[in-house]
Amino acid sequence: MLIRQKMLAIVLRVESILDWRSSDLSPAHTCFTWIGSLPELPEVETMRRGVLPVVGSRIVKAERPPCRLRPILFEPAIRTFDRRVRDQQIVNIGRRGKRVMIHLKNKDVIVIEPRMTGLVLLADPPGPEHLRLRLALRGGPSDQLLFWDRRGLGTVRLLSAEELQTKVDAKLGPDALEISHQELRQKLCQSRREIKVALLDQAAVAGIGNLYAAEILFLAGIDPRTRCDGLTGPQWQRIQRAIQAVLLEAIQHEGSTLSDGTYRNALNDEGGYQNYHRVYDRAEQSCFRCKKGRIRRIVQAQRSTFFCPKCQQRSGLHPLVHSV
């Protein structure tokens, strides 16, 4: 059992390394299905909330600290970036899917996509050697805003309002916390993909990654291998309600910090939702809900999927699956 658990941990780590490769492409345009890893929507929303106090501050200077490690995608070059943001006021900090959006008074937007190991924070990064962006600030409670990324897979882009529309908004579906069950069904009901894989398509619904897709389908009581074109209206409703319930619960617990310990909140503390995972990374353990099934791990679109084969069904509703 110990050897099996160690092998699974290695598999999960390898899968997460692959995640960044398809981060701006739909499944039809890449050999890798669009799949997200931590940080997913709850972690990015926690980051956004953690840096909200800097709204109203002005940017004194933007700089890229020296880093001998893998460079991140950074657009435009830092001199141009600094010139455009200097003395601009931060008027809002939003989120689009898995991206933090820093809105400036001149309508430009700093779009930070943390991807696998990125953190947006105000102080105390895990280490100075992976600091990728520092915004020096004045006129607020913090004198800086930081982007830290250990593996260098994240991105920082400064976009005009027009560029934001074409480079971000046009590529993403409705936010997972805002999509209705009618919209979700309309976007996916004709797809022949399995529902777990389809939920990772950011062009359909933005913000769901591999971990939370598994948790969502467990709560909804739906087998992750069910094809989208075989789902009924009530099943789509259960999925949409489960999306809301799981993501909001994860946000309440400030996201999930997995075994590598990379994800931290704005106060440099671990998230707490990993203590409430129902299926993710629980292969061979007893199902919390039905008590009869053992959580099974399968591979879908090169990613691990965890589910209970007893109470997650392709059709119908297991009696122990209550309305979400």
Protein backbone atom coordinates (compact mmCIF):
# COMPACT_ATOMS: atom_id res chain seq x y z
CA MET A 1 0.00 0.00 0.00
CA LEU A 2 2.81 2.44 0.85
CA ILE A 3 4.52 1.79 -2.50
CA ARG A 4 1.22 2.35 -4.32
CA GLN A 5 0.66 5.67 -2.51
CA LYS A 6 4.19 6.83 -3.38
CA MET A 7 3.67 5.90 -7.04
CA LEU A 8 0.37 7.81 -7.10
CA ALA A 9 2.05 10.89 -5.62
CA ILE A 10 4.63 10.76 -8.40
CA VAL A 11 1.90 10.42 -11.04
CA LEU A 12 0.04 13.44 -9.65
CA ARG A 13 3.21 15.51 -9.69
CA VAL A 14 4.03 14.54 -13.31
CA GLU A 15 0.48 15.36 -14.38
CA SER A 16 0.68 18.78 -12.77
CA ILE A 17 3.90 19.52 -14.66
CA LEU A 18 2.04 18.93 -17.91
CA ASP A 19 -0.76 21.35 -17.04
CA TRP A 20 0.88 24.56 -18.21
CA ARG A 21 1.36 23.33 -21.79
CA SER A 22 -2.22 23.86 -22.86
CA SER A 23 -3.09 26.87 -20.75
CA ASP A 24 -4.21 29.15 -23.60
CA LEU A 25 -5.50 26.55 -26.02
CA SER A 26 -8.77 24.70 -26.37
CA PRO A 27 -8.77 20.88 -26.59
CA ALA A 28 -9.27 21.06 -30.34
CA HIS A 29 -5.96 22.88 -30.81
CA THR A 30 -3.56 20.89 -28.69
CA CYS A 31 -2.50 17.33 -28.08
CA PHE A 32 -3.07 18.03 -24.40
CA THR A 33 -6.66 18.45 -23.27
CA TRP A 34 -7.15 21.75 -21.49
CA ILE A 35 -6.66 20.87 -17.86
CA GLY A 36 -6.04 22.99 -14.83
CA SER A 37 -4.02 22.37 -11.74
CA LEU A 38 -3.69 24.26 -8.54
CA PRO A 39 -4.20 27.07 -8.21
CA GLU A 40 -7.77 26.74 -9.48
CA LEU A 41 -10.64 29.18 -9.01
CA PRO A 42 -10.88 28.96 -5.18
CA GLU A 43 -7.13 29.53 -4.72
CA VAL A 44 -7.06 32.45 -7.18
CA GLU A 45 -10.15 34.00 -5.57
CA THR A 46 -8.42 33.70 -2.19
CA MET A 47 -5.37 35.49 -3.65
CA ARG A 48 -7.62 38.22 -5.06
CA ARG A 49 -9.29 38.80 -1.72
CA GLY A 50 -5.95 38.81 0.04
CA VAL A 51 -4.58 41.70 -2.04
CA LEU A 52 -7.79 43.78 -2.17
CA PRO A 53 -6.43 46.27 0.42
CA VAL A 54 -4.18 47.81 -2.26
CA VAL A 55 -7.18 49.13 -4.22
CA GLY A 56 -6.73 52.90 -4.25
CA SER A 57 -2.93 52.72 -4.08
CA ARG A 58 -0.71 54.16 -6.80
CA ILE A 59 2.07 52.26 -8.52
CA VAL A 60 5.45 53.90 -7.94
CA LYS A 61 7.49 51.44 -9.97
CA ALA A 62 7.28 48.01 -11.59
CA GLU A 63 10.35 45.79 -11.52
CA ARG A 64 11.37 42.24 -12.32
CA PRO A 65 13.74 41.10 -9.56
CA PRO A 66 16.82 39.19 -10.74
CA CYS A 67 15.98 35.50 -11.18
CA ARG A 68 18.43 32.95 -12.55
CA LEU A 69 15.67 30.38 -12.97
CA ARG A 70 13.16 29.73 -15.73
CA PRO A 71 11.82 33.11 -16.98
CA ILE A 72 8.06 33.55 -17.04
CA LEU A 73 6.03 34.88 -19.95
CA PHE A 74 6.05 38.64 -19.33
CA GLU A 75 4.42 41.12 -21.74
CA PRO A 76 5.41 43.78 -22.65
CA ALA A 77 9.10 44.11 -21.76
CA ILE A 78 9.63 45.48 -18.26
CA ARG A 79 10.72 48.96 -19.42
CA THR A 80 7.51 49.43 -21.37
CA PHE A 81 5.50 47.78 -18.63
CA ASP A 82 6.95 50.13 -16.00
CA ARG A 83 6.37 53.21 -18.13
CA ARG A 84 2.71 52.35 -18.69
CA VAL A 85 1.85 51.51 -15.06
CA ARG A 86 3.95 54.11 -13.25
CA ASP A 87 1.82 56.56 -11.22
CA GLN A 88 -1.35 54.70 -12.19
CA GLN A 89 -3.95 54.12 -9.49
CA ILE A 90 -5.24 50.61 -8.83
CA VAL A 91 -9.03 50.99 -9.08
CA ASN A 92 -10.12 47.38 -8.74
CA ILE A 93 -8.83 43.82 -8.40
CA GLY A 94 -10.96 41.22 -10.12
CA ARG A 95 -10.73 37.64 -11.22
CA ARG A 96 -11.48 35.92 -14.51
CA GLY A 97 -11.42 32.14 -14.17
CA LYS A 98 -7.94 31.37 -12.85
CA ARG A 99 -6.52 34.85 -13.48
CA VAL A 100 -6.06 37.81 -11.14
CA MET A 101 -6.99 41.08 -12.87
CA ILE A 102 -5.48 44.33 -11.57
CA HIS A 103 -7.47 47.19 -13.11
CA LEU A 104 -5.74 50.56 -13.47
CA LYS A 105 -7.27 54.01 -13.76
CA ASN A 106 -6.13 54.39 -17.38
CA LYS A 107 -8.19 51.25 -18.27
CA ASP A 108 -5.16 49.01 -18.66
CA VAL A 109 -5.29 45.69 -16.82
CA ILE A 110 -2.43 43.66 -15.33
CA VAL A 111 -3.44 40.03 -15.91
CA ILE A 112 -1.61 37.52 -13.71
CA GLU A 113 -2.15 33.82 -14.33
CA PRO A 114 -0.50 31.88 -11.48
CA ARG A 115 -0.85 28.49 -13.17
CA MET A 116 0.91 25.74 -11.25
CA THR A 117 2.95 27.34 -8.47
CA GLY A 118 2.29 31.07 -8.71
CA LEU A 119 1.24 33.26 -5.77
CA VAL A 120 -0.05 36.84 -5.74
CA LEU A 121 0.60 38.38 -2.33
CA LEU A 122 1.56 41.51 -0.43
CA ALA A 123 4.47 40.29 1.69
CA ASP A 124 6.52 37.32 2.87
CA PRO A 125 6.95 35.26 -0.31
CA PRO A 126 8.12 31.67 0.32
CA GLY A 127 11.58 32.64 -0.95
CA PRO A 128 13.28 35.60 -2.69
CA GLU A 129 14.79 33.57 -5.54
CA HIS A 130 11.44 32.98 -7.30
CA LEU A 131 10.07 36.51 -7.15
CA ARG A 132 8.91 37.47 -10.66
CA LEU A 133 7.24 40.90 -10.30
CA ARG A 134 7.26 43.63 -7.70
CA LEU A 135 4.95 46.61 -7.86
CA ALA A 136 6.13 49.34 -5.48
CA LEU A 137 3.06 51.17 -4.12
CA ARG A 138 2.16 54.31 -2.21
CA GLY A 139 -0.99 55.71 -0.69
CA GLY A 140 -2.29 52.49 0.83
CA PRO A 141 -1.76 49.95 3.60
CA SER A 142 0.94 48.04 1.71
CA ASP A 143 4.07 49.31 -0.01
CA GLN A 144 4.19 46.47 -2.55
CA LEU A 145 2.34 43.80 -4.49
CA LEU A 146 4.28 40.67 -5.47
CA PHE A 147 4.04 37.79 -7.90
CA TRP A 148 6.08 34.75 -6.88
CA ASP A 149 6.36 31.62 -9.01
CA ARG A 150 8.65 28.72 -8.16
CA ARG A 151 8.46 26.84 -11.47
CA GLY A 152 8.13 29.80 -13.78
CA LEU A 153 4.98 28.59 -15.54
CA GLY A 154 2.84 31.60 -14.70
CA THR A 155 2.31 34.65 -16.90
CA VAL A 156 2.10 38.42 -16.43
CA ARG A 157 0.56 40.55 -19.17
CA LEU A 158 -0.33 44.23 -19.28
CA LEU A 159 -3.29 44.61 -21.63
CA SER A 160 -5.37 47.47 -22.92
CA ALA A 161 -9.15 47.15 -22.70
CA GLU A 162 -9.26 46.05 -26.35
CA GLU A 163 -6.48 43.49 -25.85
CA LEU A 164 -8.24 42.14 -22.77
CA GLN A 165 -11.32 41.43 -24.86
CA THR A 166 -9.45 39.56 -27.60
CA LYS A 167 -6.72 37.83 -25.58
CA VAL A 168 -8.66 36.85 -22.45
CA ASP A 169 -12.41 37.34 -22.56
CA ALA A 170 -12.88 35.90 -26.05
CA LYS A 171 -11.07 32.70 -25.06
CA LEU A 172 -12.94 32.00 -21.83
CA GLY A 173 -16.45 30.81 -21.08
CA PRO A 174 -18.62 32.16 -18.27
CA ASP A 175 -17.06 32.12 -14.82
CA ALA A 176 -17.80 28.89 -12.95
CA LEU A 177 -19.42 30.83 -10.09
CA GLU A 178 -21.74 32.67 -12.47
CA ILE A 179 -22.76 30.11 -15.09
CA SER A 180 -26.36 28.90 -15.01
CA HIS A 181 -27.35 25.29 -15.60
CA GLN A 182 -28.98 26.39 -18.88
CA GLU A 183 -25.71 27.94 -20.08
CA LEU A 184 -23.69 24.93 -18.96
CA ARG A 185 -26.02 22.53 -20.75
CA GLN A 186 -26.11 24.67 -23.89
CA LYS A 187 -22.32 24.77 -24.14
CA LEU A 188 -21.67 21.09 -23.49
CA CYS A 189 -24.78 19.01 -24.16
CA GLN A 190 -23.79 18.14 -27.74
CA SER A 191 -20.24 17.20 -26.84
CA ARG A 192 -19.22 13.56 -27.03
CA ARG A 193 -16.56 14.11 -24.37
CA GLU A 194 -16.82 12.62 -20.92
CA ILE A 195 -18.23 15.14 -18.47
CA LYS A 196 -15.10 15.24 -16.27
CA VAL A 197 -12.95 16.15 -19.28
CA ALA A 198 -15.48 18.70 -20.57
CA LEU A 199 -15.61 20.58 -17.27
CA LEU A 200 -11.91 21.37 -17.69
CA ASP A 201 -12.53 23.19 -20.98
CA GLN A 202 -12.01 26.84 -20.08
CA ALA A 203 -13.75 27.96 -23.27
CA ALA A 204 -16.94 26.39 -21.89
CA VAL A 205 -16.68 27.30 -18.22
CA ALA A 206 -13.77 29.21 -16.69
CA GLY A 207 -12.10 28.28 -13.41
CA ILE A 208 -12.59 24.54 -12.86
CA GLY A 209 -9.49 22.35 -12.78
CA ASN A 210 -8.79 18.69 -12.22
CA LEU A 211 -9.15 18.60 -8.45
CA TYR A 212 -12.44 20.46 -8.20
CA ALA A 213 -13.98 18.70 -11.23
CA ALA A 214 -13.65 15.41 -9.35
CA GLU A 215 -15.16 16.89 -6.20
CA ILE A 216 -18.02 18.49 -8.14
CA LEU A 217 -19.05 15.27 -9.88
CA PHE A 218 -18.90 13.34 -6.62
CA LEU A 219 -21.24 15.81 -4.92
CA ALA A 220 -23.57 15.64 -7.95
CA GLY A 221 -23.50 11.82 -7.86
CA ILE A 222 -22.51 11.52 -11.52
CA ASP A 223 -20.00 9.08 -12.99
CA PRO A 224 -17.15 11.17 -14.49
CA ARG A 225 -17.08 8.86 -17.54
CA THR A 226 -20.62 9.84 -18.59
CA ARG A 227 -20.70 11.49 -22.01
CA CYS A 228 -22.06 15.01 -22.10
CA ASP A 229 -24.58 14.17 -24.81
CA GLY A 230 -26.03 11.50 -22.54
CA LEU A 231 -26.74 13.73 -19.55
CA THR A 232 -30.31 14.69 -18.67
CA GLY A 233 -31.69 18.07 -17.66
CA PRO A 234 -31.82 17.17 -13.95
CA GLN A 235 -28.20 15.96 -14.11
CA TRP A 236 -27.07 19.28 -15.61
CA GLN A 237 -28.89 21.06 -12.79
CA ARG A 238 -27.14 18.91 -10.18
CA ILE A 239 -23.75 19.58 -11.78
CA GLN A 240 -24.31 23.34 -11.81
CA ARG A 241 -25.47 23.36 -8.19
CA ALA A 242 -22.48 21.19 -7.22
CA ILE A 243 -20.12 23.63 -8.98
CA GLN A 244 -21.48 26.44 -6.82
CA ALA A 245 -21.43 24.40 -3.61
CA VAL A 246 -17.92 22.96 -3.97
CA LEU A 247 -16.23 26.15 -5.15
CA LEU A 248 -17.86 28.35 -2.51
CA GLU A 249 -17.00 25.84 0.22
CA ALA A 250 -13.39 25.74 -1.01
CA ILE A 251 -13.22 29.55 -1.03
CA GLN A 252 -14.56 29.59 2.52
CA HIS A 253 -11.61 27.38 3.51
CA GLU A 254 -9.20 29.53 1.42
CA GLY A 255 -8.42 26.81 -1.12
CA SER A 256 -6.43 23.58 -0.99
CA THR A 257 -2.77 23.23 -0.07
CA LEU A 258 -1.56 19.88 -1.39
CA SER A 259 1.35 17.73 -0.26
CA ASP A 260 4.03 19.93 -1.89
CA GLY A 261 2.90 22.84 0.31
CA THR A 262 3.30 25.41 -2.48
CA TYR A 263 -0.07 27.15 -2.31
CA ARG A 264 -0.36 29.69 0.51
CA ASN A 265 -2.89 32.43 1.18
CA ALA A 266 -2.06 36.12 1.44
CA LEU A 267 -1.03 35.67 5.10
CA ASN A 268 1.39 32.87 4.10
CA ASP A 269 -0.84 30.23 5.72
CA GLU A 270 -2.02 26.97 4.19
CA GLY A 271 -5.48 26.66 2.72
CA GLY A 272 -7.85 24.35 4.55
CA TYR A 273 -10.02 22.65 1.95
CA GLN A 274 -7.64 19.71 1.50
CA ASN A 275 -9.03 18.48 4.81
CA TYR A 276 -12.50 18.25 3.26
CA HIS A 277 -11.72 16.49 -0.05
CA ARG A 278 -14.29 13.77 -0.61
CA VAL A 279 -12.55 11.86 -3.42
CA TYR A 280 -9.45 13.64 -4.69
CA ASP A 281 -6.24 11.68 -3.94
CA ARG A 282 -8.23 9.16 -1.86
CA ALA A 283 -7.78 6.08 -4.08
CA GLU A 284 -8.68 2.76 -2.39
CA GLN A 285 -10.17 4.52 0.63
CA SER A 286 -13.77 4.05 1.73
CA CYS A 287 -16.40 6.38 0.29
CA PHE A 288 -17.56 8.91 2.88
CA ARG A 289 -21.10 8.87 1.50
CA CYS A 290 -22.20 5.33 0.69
CA LYS A 291 -19.66 3.52 2.92
CA LYS A 292 -19.76 0.57 0.49
CA GLY A 293 -17.64 1.81 -2.38
CA ARG A 294 -13.90 2.39 -2.48
CA ILE A 295 -12.62 5.47 -4.24
CA ARG A 296 -11.24 4.49 -7.61
CA ARG A 297 -8.56 6.22 -9.65
CA ILE A 298 -8.75 6.21 -13.45
CA VAL A 299 -7.02 8.29 -16.13
CA GLN A 300 -9.00 10.65 -18.35
CA ALA A 301 -7.30 12.94 -20.85
CA GLN A 302 -3.91 12.16 -19.27
CA ARG A 303 -5.15 13.19 -15.81
CA SER A 304 -6.08 11.26 -12.70
CA THR A 305 -9.78 11.13 -11.89
CA PHE A 306 -11.06 9.99 -8.50
CA PHE A 307 -14.64 8.80 -7.97
CA CYS A 308 -16.85 6.29 -6.17
CA PRO A 309 -18.11 3.62 -8.60
CA LYS A 310 -20.95 2.73 -6.21
CA CYS A 311 -22.76 6.02 -5.71
CA GLN A 312 -21.68 8.01 -8.78
CA GLN A 313 -23.93 6.81 -11.61
CA ARG A 314 -24.19 7.37 -15.35
CA SER A 315 -27.99 7.55 -15.10
CA GLY A 316 -30.51 7.86 -12.32
CA LEU A 317 -29.72 8.96 -8.80
CA HIS A 318 -28.24 6.92 -6.00
CA PRO A 319 -30.54 7.13 -2.94
CA LEU A 320 -27.72 8.54 -0.81
CA VAL A 321 -27.04 11.42 -3.19
CA HIS A 322 -29.11 14.25 -1.82
CA SER A 323 -30.10 17.39 -3.68
CA VAL A 324 -27.20 19.80 -3.71
